[in-house]
C-alpha atoms as a PDB file:
ATOM      1  CA  MET A   1     -27.189 191.695 181.449  1.00  0.00           C
ATOM      2  CA  ARG A   2     -23.495 191.128 182.025  1.00  0.00           C
ATOM      3  CA  ARG A   3     -21.667 193.895 183.851  1.00  0.00           C
ATOM      4  CA  LYS A   4     -19.854 196.445 181.750  1.00  0.00           C
ATOM      5  CA  LEU A   5     -16.308 195.361 180.904  1.00  0.00           C
ATOM      6  CA  ALA A   6     -13.276 197.464 179.998  1.00  0.00           C
ATOM      7  CA  ALA A   7     -10.731 194.966 178.689  1.00  0.00           C
ATOM      8  CA  GLY A   8      -7.188 195.819 177.685  1.00  0.00           C
ATOM      9  CA  ASN A   9      -5.092 193.719 175.306  1.00  0.00           C
ATOM     10  CA  TRP A  10      -1.382 194.442 175.704  1.00  0.00           C
ATOM     11  CA  LYS A  11      -0.508 192.169 172.764  1.00  0.00           C
ATOM     12  CA  MET A  12       3.279 191.588 172.526  1.00  0.00           C
ATOM     13  CA  ASN A  13       4.112 194.493 174.802  1.00  0.00           C
ATOM     14  CA  GLY A  14       5.174 194.750 178.415  1.00  0.00           C
ATOM     15  CA  LEU A  15       7.979 193.843 180.783  1.00  0.00           C
ATOM     16  CA  ARG A  16       7.743 193.414 184.554  1.00  0.00           C
ATOM     17  CA  ALA A  17       8.620 197.072 185.035  1.00  0.00           C
ATOM     18  CA  ASP A  18       5.465 198.000 183.121  1.00  0.00           C
ATOM     19  CA  LEU A  19       3.217 196.351 185.694  1.00  0.00           C
ATOM     20  CA  THR A  20       3.350 199.621 187.625  1.00  0.00           C
ATOM     21  CA  GLN A  21       0.661 200.704 185.143  1.00  0.00           C
ATOM     22  CA  LEU A  22      -1.696 198.125 186.651  1.00  0.00           C
ATOM     23  CA  ALA A  23      -0.937 199.337 190.147  1.00  0.00           C
ATOM     24  CA  THR A  24      -1.746 202.872 189.017  1.00  0.00           C
ATOM     25  CA  LEU A  25      -5.024 201.677 187.499  1.00  0.00           C
ATOM     26  CA  ALA A  26      -5.906 199.931 190.750  1.00  0.00           C
ATOM     27  CA  GLU A  27      -5.207 203.085 192.759  1.00  0.00           C
ATOM     28  CA  GLN A  28      -7.248 205.343 190.502  1.00  0.00           C
ATOM     29  CA  ARG A  29     -10.143 203.015 189.838  1.00  0.00           C
ATOM     30  CA  GLY A  30     -13.365 203.783 191.640  1.00  0.00           C
ATOM     31  CA  TYR A  31     -15.741 202.966 188.826  1.00  0.00           C
ATOM     32  CA  ASP A  32     -18.570 200.436 188.859  1.00  0.00           C
ATOM     33  CA  VAL A  33     -17.337 198.451 185.862  1.00  0.00           C
ATOM     34  CA  ASP A  34     -15.172 195.365 185.510  1.00  0.00           C
ATOM     35  CA  VAL A  35     -11.600 196.008 184.416  1.00  0.00           C
ATOM     36  CA  LEU A  36      -9.518 193.315 182.749  1.00  0.00           C
ATOM     37  CA  ILE A  37      -5.991 193.393 181.350  1.00  0.00           C
ATOM     38  CA  CYS A  38      -4.940 190.577 179.004  1.00  0.00           C
ATOM     39  CA  LEU A  39      -1.189 190.333 179.411  1.00  0.00           C
ATOM     40  CA  PRO A  40       1.629 188.455 177.711  1.00  0.00           C
ATOM     41  CA  ALA A  41       1.874 185.035 179.353  1.00  0.00           C
ATOM     42  CA  THR A  42       5.227 185.984 180.894  1.00  0.00           C
ATOM     43  CA  LEU A  43       3.557 188.566 183.142  1.00  0.00           C
ATOM     44  CA  ILE A  44       0.377 186.839 184.277  1.00  0.00           C
ATOM     45  CA  GLY A  45       1.892 185.129 187.312  1.00  0.00           C
ATOM     46  CA  SER A  46       3.322 188.426 188.586  1.00  0.00           C
ATOM     47  CA  CYS A  47      -0.072 190.045 189.159  1.00  0.00           C
ATOM     48  CA  ALA A  48      -1.389 188.201 192.201  1.00  0.00           C
ATOM     49  CA  GLY A  49      -3.176 190.453 194.642  1.00  0.00           C
ATOM     50  CA  LEU A  50      -4.067 193.265 192.265  1.00  0.00           C
ATOM     51  CA  PRO A  51      -7.794 194.182 192.298  1.00  0.00           C
ATOM     52  CA  ILE A  52      -7.921 193.949 188.504  1.00  0.00           C
ATOM     53  CA  ALA A  53      -8.870 190.841 186.558  1.00  0.00           C
ATOM     54  CA  ILE A  54      -5.999 189.348 184.557  1.00  0.00           C
ATOM     55  CA  GLY A  55      -6.413 187.509 181.289  1.00  0.00           C
ATOM     56  CA  ALA A  56      -4.342 185.835 178.601  1.00  0.00           C
ATOM     57  CA  GLN A  57      -4.236 186.442 174.862  1.00  0.00           C
ATOM     58  CA  ASP A  58      -4.414 182.862 173.579  1.00  0.00           C
ATOM     59  CA  CYS A  59      -4.458 179.229 174.664  1.00  0.00           C
ATOM     60  CA  HIS A  60      -3.978 175.825 173.064  1.00  0.00           C
ATOM     61  CA  THR A  61      -6.829 173.482 172.218  1.00  0.00           C
ATOM     62  CA  ALA A  62      -5.229 170.626 174.177  1.00  0.00           C
ATOM     63  CA  THR A  63      -4.965 170.277 177.940  1.00  0.00           C
ATOM     64  CA  HIS A  64      -1.321 169.105 177.786  1.00  0.00           C
ATOM     65  CA  GLY A  65       1.110 167.281 175.551  1.00  0.00           C
ATOM     66  CA  ALA A  66       3.922 167.645 173.039  1.00  0.00           C
ATOM     67  CA  HIS A  67       3.199 171.189 171.882  1.00  0.00           C
ATOM     68  CA  THR A  68       6.461 173.054 172.279  1.00  0.00           C
ATOM     69  CA  GLY A  69       5.996 176.739 172.989  1.00  0.00           C
ATOM     70  CA  ASP A  70       2.241 176.512 173.572  1.00  0.00           C
ATOM     71  CA  ILE A  71       0.302 177.122 176.781  1.00  0.00           C
ATOM     72  CA  SER A  72      -2.866 175.340 177.866  1.00  0.00           C
ATOM     73  CA  ALA A  73      -5.901 177.010 179.370  1.00  0.00           C
ATOM     74  CA  ALA A  74      -5.348 175.076 182.597  1.00  0.00           C
ATOM     75  CA  MET A  75      -1.821 176.497 182.844  1.00  0.00           C
ATOM     76  CA  LEU A  76      -3.184 180.012 182.459  1.00  0.00           C
ATOM     77  CA  ALA A  77      -5.802 179.434 185.142  1.00  0.00           C
ATOM     78  CA  ASP A  78      -3.127 177.952 187.396  1.00  0.00           C
ATOM     79  CA  VAL A  79      -1.130 181.228 187.416  1.00  0.00           C
ATOM     80  CA  GLY A  80      -4.171 183.409 188.031  1.00  0.00           C
ATOM     81  CA  ALA A  81      -5.787 184.216 184.684  1.00  0.00           C
ATOM     82  CA  THR A  82      -9.571 184.441 184.702  1.00  0.00           C
ATOM     83  CA  HIS A  83     -10.106 185.242 181.004  1.00  0.00           C
ATOM     84  CA  VAL A  84      -8.541 184.464 177.652  1.00  0.00           C
ATOM     85  CA  ILE A  85      -8.914 186.081 174.239  1.00  0.00           C
ATOM     86  CA  THR A  86      -9.635 183.679 171.382  1.00  0.00           C
ATOM     87  CA  GLY A  87      -9.978 184.396 167.687  1.00  0.00           C
ATOM     88  CA  HIS A  88      -8.245 187.761 167.607  1.00  0.00           C
ATOM     89  CA  SER A  89      -7.756 188.833 163.994  1.00  0.00           C
ATOM     90  CA  GLU A  90      -3.991 188.914 164.470  1.00  0.00           C
ATOM     91  CA  ARG A  91      -4.069 185.243 165.489  1.00  0.00           C
ATOM     92  CA  ARG A  92      -6.410 184.398 162.632  1.00  0.00           C
ATOM     93  CA  THR A  93      -4.072 186.139 160.172  1.00  0.00           C
ATOM     94  CA  ASP A  94      -0.587 185.488 161.566  1.00  0.00           C
ATOM     95  CA  HIS A  95      -1.248 181.906 162.660  1.00  0.00           C
ATOM     96  CA  HIS A  96      -3.944 180.935 160.138  1.00  0.00           C
ATOM     97  CA  GLU A  97      -6.492 180.148 162.836  1.00  0.00           C
ATOM     98  CA  THR A  98      -9.844 179.051 161.460  1.00  0.00           C
ATOM     99  CA  ASP A  99     -13.248 179.400 163.083  1.00  0.00           C
ATOM    100  CA  ALA A 100     -13.029 175.718 164.044  1.00  0.00           C
ATOM    101  CA  ILE A 101      -9.714 176.281 165.838  1.00  0.00           C
ATOM    102  CA  VAL A 102     -11.143 179.301 167.652  1.00  0.00           C
ATOM    103  CA  ALA A 103     -14.145 177.237 168.792  1.00  0.00           C
ATOM    104  CA  ALA A 104     -11.852 174.437 169.994  1.00  0.00           C
ATOM    105  CA  LYS A 105      -9.703 176.883 171.964  1.00  0.00           C
ATOM    106  CA  SER A 106     -12.818 178.419 173.481  1.00  0.00           C
ATOM    107  CA  ARG A 107     -14.092 174.993 174.565  1.00  0.00           C
ATOM    108  CA  ALA A 108     -10.728 174.242 176.155  1.00  0.00           C
ATOM    109  CA  ALA A 109     -10.839 177.553 177.988  1.00  0.00           C
ATOM    110  CA  HIS A 110     -14.334 176.868 179.298  1.00  0.00           C
ATOM    111  CA  ASP A 111     -13.259 173.417 180.486  1.00  0.00           C
ATOM    112  CA  ALA A 112     -10.468 175.114 182.467  1.00  0.00           C
ATOM    113  CA  GLY A 113     -12.896 177.588 184.033  1.00  0.00           C
ATOM    114  CA  LEU A 114     -11.787 180.597 182.001  1.00  0.00           C
ATOM    115  CA  ILE A 115     -14.064 183.213 180.478  1.00  0.00           C
ATOM    116  CA  THR A 116     -13.454 183.633 176.753  1.00  0.00           C
ATOM    117  CA  ILE A 117     -13.482 186.851 174.799  1.00  0.00           C
ATOM    118  CA  ILE A 118     -14.175 185.600 171.283  1.00  0.00           C
ATOM    119  CA  CYS A 119     -13.207 188.114 168.604  1.00  0.00           C
ATOM    120  CA  ILE A 120     -15.005 188.529 165.296  1.00  0.00           C
ATOM    121  CA  GLY A 121     -14.876 191.195 162.597  1.00  0.00           C
ATOM    122  CA  GLU A 122     -14.615 191.970 158.920  1.00  0.00           C
ATOM    123  CA  THR A 123     -11.817 193.239 156.700  1.00  0.00           C
ATOM    124  CA  LEU A 124     -12.017 196.512 154.783  1.00  0.00           C
ATOM    125  CA  VAL A 125     -12.580 194.568 151.552  1.00  0.00           C
ATOM    126  CA  GLN A 126     -15.519 192.754 153.128  1.00  0.00           C
ATOM    127  CA  ARG A 127     -16.934 195.991 154.540  1.00  0.00           C
ATOM    128  CA  GLU A 128     -16.735 197.712 151.157  1.00  0.00           C
ATOM    129  CA  ALA A 129     -18.284 194.673 149.449  1.00  0.00           C
ATOM    130  CA  GLY A 130     -21.300 194.900 151.764  1.00  0.00           C
ATOM    131  CA  THR A 131     -20.756 191.435 153.252  1.00  0.00           C
ATOM    132  CA  THR A 132     -20.061 192.466 156.849  1.00  0.00           C
ATOM    133  CA  LEU A 133     -23.120 190.785 158.349  1.00  0.00           C
ATOM    134  CA  ASP A 134     -22.507 187.598 156.365  1.00  0.00           C
ATOM    135  CA  VAL A 135     -18.958 187.483 157.732  1.00  0.00           C
ATOM    136  CA  ILE A 136     -20.247 188.081 161.255  1.00  0.00           C
ATOM    137  CA  ASP A 137     -22.808 185.291 160.875  1.00  0.00           C
ATOM    138  CA  ALA A 138     -20.184 182.818 159.685  1.00  0.00           C
ATOM    139  CA  GLN A 139     -17.780 183.694 162.487  1.00  0.00           C
ATOM    140  CA  LEU A 140     -20.454 183.507 165.168  1.00  0.00           C
ATOM    141  CA  ALA A 141     -21.624 180.121 163.899  1.00  0.00           C
ATOM    142  CA  GLY A 142     -18.135 178.703 163.535  1.00  0.00           C
ATOM    143  CA  SER A 143     -16.180 180.305 166.381  1.00  0.00           C
ATOM    144  CA  VAL A 144     -18.657 180.268 169.274  1.00  0.00           C
ATOM    145  CA  PRO A 145     -19.039 176.740 170.681  1.00  0.00           C
ATOM    146  CA  ASP A 146     -22.341 175.312 171.824  1.00  0.00           C
ATOM    147  CA  CYS A 147     -21.054 175.287 175.419  1.00  0.00           C
ATOM    148  CA  ALA A 148     -20.928 179.088 175.430  1.00  0.00           C
ATOM    149  CA  THR A 149     -23.069 180.878 177.994  1.00  0.00           C
ATOM    150  CA  ALA A 150     -23.484 184.444 179.161  1.00  0.00           C
ATOM    151  CA  ASP A 151     -21.332 183.530 182.166  1.00  0.00           C
ATOM    152  CA  ASN A 152     -18.354 182.081 180.282  1.00  0.00           C
ATOM    153  CA  THR A 153     -18.319 183.999 177.000  1.00  0.00           C
ATOM    154  CA  VAL A 154     -18.015 187.584 175.827  1.00  0.00           C
ATOM    155  CA  ILE A 155     -18.097 188.535 172.154  1.00  0.00           C
ATOM    156  CA  ALA A 156     -15.802 191.288 170.869  1.00  0.00           C
ATOM    157  CA  TYR A 157     -16.677 192.928 167.563  1.00  0.00           C
ATOM    158  CA  GLU A 158     -13.436 194.255 166.129  1.00  0.00           C
ATOM    159  CA  PRO A 159     -13.585 195.441 162.523  1.00  0.00           C
ATOM    160  CA  ILE A 160     -10.127 194.485 161.302  1.00  0.00           C
ATOM    161  CA  TRP A 161      -9.744 197.686 159.312  1.00  0.00           C
ATOM    162  CA  ALA A 162     -10.139 199.748 162.501  1.00  0.00           C
ATOM    163  CA  ILE A 163      -7.586 197.941 164.686  1.00  0.00           C
ATOM    164  CA  GLY A 164      -4.612 200.195 165.346  1.00  0.00           C
ATOM    165  CA  THR A 165      -5.393 202.358 162.334  1.00  0.00           C
ATOM    166  CA  GLY A 166      -7.129 205.289 163.981  1.00  0.00           C
ATOM    167  CA  LYS A 167     -10.163 204.607 161.784  1.00  0.00           C
ATOM    168  CA  VAL A 168     -13.406 204.051 163.638  1.00  0.00           C
ATOM    169  CA  PRO A 169     -16.751 202.929 162.171  1.00  0.00           C
ATOM    170  CA  THR A 170     -19.625 205.334 162.484  1.00  0.00           C
ATOM    171  CA  THR A 171     -21.882 204.802 165.449  1.00  0.00           C
ATOM    172  CA  ASP A 172     -24.584 203.669 163.013  1.00  0.00           C
ATOM    173  CA  GLN A 173     -22.238 200.986 161.645  1.00  0.00           C
ATOM    174  CA  ILE A 174     -21.352 199.832 165.154  1.00  0.00           C
ATOM    175  CA  ALA A 175     -25.030 199.815 166.130  1.00  0.00           C
ATOM    176  CA  GLN A 176     -25.981 197.701 163.111  1.00  0.00           C
ATOM    177  CA  VAL A 177     -23.393 195.024 163.834  1.00  0.00           C
ATOM    178  CA  HIS A 178     -23.945 194.925 167.595  1.00  0.00           C
ATOM    179  CA  ALA A 179     -27.708 194.636 167.146  1.00  0.00           C
ATOM    180  CA  HIS A 180     -27.126 191.820 164.658  1.00  0.00           C
ATOM    181  CA  ILE A 181     -24.797 189.966 167.036  1.00  0.00           C
ATOM    182  CA  HIS A 182     -27.273 190.390 169.888  1.00  0.00           C
ATOM    183  CA  ALA A 183     -30.097 189.020 167.741  1.00  0.00           C
ATOM    184  CA  ARG A 184     -28.074 186.001 166.612  1.00  0.00           C
ATOM    185  CA  LEU A 185     -26.967 185.162 170.160  1.00  0.00           C
ATOM    186  CA  THR A 186     -30.510 185.551 171.474  1.00  0.00           C
ATOM    187  CA  ALA A 187     -31.828 183.212 168.803  1.00  0.00           C
ATOM    188  CA  ARG A 188     -29.160 180.547 169.409  1.00  0.00           C
ATOM    189  CA  PHE A 189     -28.656 180.482 173.163  1.00  0.00           C
ATOM    190  CA  ALA A 190     -31.203 180.335 175.969  1.00  0.00           C
ATOM    191  CA  ASP A 191     -29.330 183.122 177.765  1.00  0.00           C
ATOM    192  CA  GLY A 192     -28.116 184.808 174.590  1.00  0.00           C
ATOM    193  CA  ALA A 193     -29.583 188.175 175.528  1.00  0.00           C
ATOM    194  CA  GLY A 194     -27.184 188.279 178.474  1.00  0.00           C
ATOM    195  CA  PHE A 195     -23.944 187.920 176.535  1.00  0.00           C
ATOM    196  CA  GLY A 196     -21.574 190.851 176.816  1.00  0.00           C
ATOM    197  CA  ILE A 197     -20.704 192.377 173.427  1.00  0.00           C
ATOM    198  CA  LEU A 198     -17.599 194.549 173.358  1.00  0.00           C
ATOM    199  CA  TYR A 199     -16.479 196.917 170.637  1.00  0.00           C
ATOM    200  CA  GLY A 200     -12.791 197.040 169.723  1.00  0.00           C
ATOM    201  CA  GLY A 201     -10.827 199.073 167.225  1.00  0.00           C
ATOM    202  CA  SER A 202      -9.073 202.392 167.871  1.00  0.00           C
ATOM    203  CA  VAL A 203     -11.037 203.111 171.062  1.00  0.00           C
ATOM    204  CA  LYS A 204      -9.673 206.242 172.746  1.00  0.00           C
ATOM    205  CA  GLY A 205     -10.672 208.495 175.588  1.00  0.00           C
ATOM    206  CA  ASP A 206     -12.088 211.051 173.178  1.00  0.00           C
ATOM    207  CA  ASN A 207     -14.392 208.666 171.272  1.00  0.00           C
ATOM    208  CA  ALA A 208     -15.295 206.184 174.002  1.00  0.00           C
ATOM    209  CA  ALA A 209     -18.430 207.955 175.250  1.00  0.00           C
ATOM    210  CA  ALA A 210     -20.004 207.985 171.783  1.00  0.00           C
ATOM    211  CA  ILE A 211     -19.212 204.302 171.281  1.00  0.00           C
ATOM    212  CA  PHE A 212     -20.588 203.290 174.687  1.00  0.00           C
ATOM    213  CA  ALA A 213     -23.836 205.140 173.959  1.00  0.00           C
ATOM    214  CA  VAL A 214     -24.571 202.650 171.159  1.00  0.00           C
ATOM    215  CA  PRO A 215     -27.166 200.008 172.087  1.00  0.00           C
ATOM    216  CA  HIS A 216     -25.789 196.535 172.884  1.00  0.00           C
ATOM    217  CA  VAL A 217     -22.244 197.830 173.400  1.00  0.00           C
ATOM    218  CA  THR A 218     -21.404 196.591 176.894  1.00  0.00           C
ATOM    219  CA  GLY A 219     -17.741 197.570 176.930  1.00  0.00           C
ATOM    220  CA  ALA A 220     -14.560 197.637 174.903  1.00  0.00           C
ATOM    221  CA  LEU A 221     -11.538 195.552 174.000  1.00  0.00           C
ATOM    222  CA  VAL A 222      -8.741 198.103 173.862  1.00  0.00           C
ATOM    223  CA  GLY A 223      -5.257 197.691 172.421  1.00  0.00           C
ATOM    224  CA  GLY A 224      -2.677 200.476 172.485  1.00  0.00           C
ATOM    225  CA  ALA A 225      -4.671 202.766 174.758  1.00  0.00           C
ATOM    226  CA  SER A 226      -4.613 200.116 177.511  1.00  0.00           C
ATOM    227  CA  LEU A 227      -0.823 200.142 177.861  1.00  0.00           C
ATOM    228  CA  LYS A 228      -0.779 203.303 179.974  1.00  0.00           C
ATOM    229  CA  ALA A 229      -3.088 203.998 182.899  1.00  0.00           C
ATOM    230  CA  VAL A 230      -3.373 207.644 181.860  1.00  0.00           C
ATOM    231  CA  ASP A 231      -4.844 206.556 178.518  1.00  0.00           C
ATOM    232  CA  PHE A 232      -7.015 203.682 179.748  1.00  0.00           C
ATOM    233  CA  THR A 233      -8.591 205.444 182.724  1.00  0.00           C
ATOM    234  CA  PRO A 234     -10.674 207.893 180.614  1.00  0.00           C
ATOM    235  CA  ILE A 235     -12.083 204.921 178.688  1.00  0.00           C
ATOM    236  CA  ILE A 236     -13.050 203.205 181.931  1.00  0.00           C
ATOM    237  CA  ALA A 237     -14.636 206.428 183.179  1.00  0.00           C
ATOM    238  CA  ALA A 238     -16.628 206.819 179.946  1.00  0.00           C
ATOM    239  CA  LEU A 239     -17.902 203.255 180.249  1.00  0.00           C
ATOM    240  CA  ALA A 240     -18.937 203.804 183.852  1.00  0.00           C
ATOM    241  CA  ALA A 241     -20.833 206.939 182.852  1.00  0.00           C
ATOM    242  CA  SER A 242     -22.690 205.257 179.974  1.00  0.00           C
END
């Protein structure tokens, strides 16, 4: 199985002065889990030497070219990123990214040597309609490329209705979806049982232990609570203790 991973997504937050939070995390961290912070692209190159993995939040499908304002996976790797998030619901919604686009970005990331964190998850309407697992199936089939392996891909289940809302699915709901993802990956890929499967959506220090006790949850993709070391450290500690 992949090592446990506590991944932070700073989204469109953070200036160079805020990188002191990463230094604080590095000083406090003595836990046997992997820690990753996915930063705005403007900050990635400023993190050389820190004993924390640094990732990006998006990449283009192309290696180079006339794509003003975009950044390729190779460019991210060149400034020190080791991971990149693809398919986050905010990208799918704000930028109309389809499963096919997410798969293409993930392939580009793999070609550049980056590990992808591919996000999937249902809306509240889909949850209430009872179609969650159908949505998950479609996103797994369409967003995860055939070149995915347990070494280059992590799946993040993020129910859209729980992101930044304070609402968290029950542990039974999380268990159902994570078991389903695990089964689908195992059936499709030779090493599918080894894929990391993160949970994301309003993860906090006070609910992390219960979430990490759920089978097939190998870590978390954390938004707001990753911006401050004092908030992220308890989540890391809970993961290490699970």
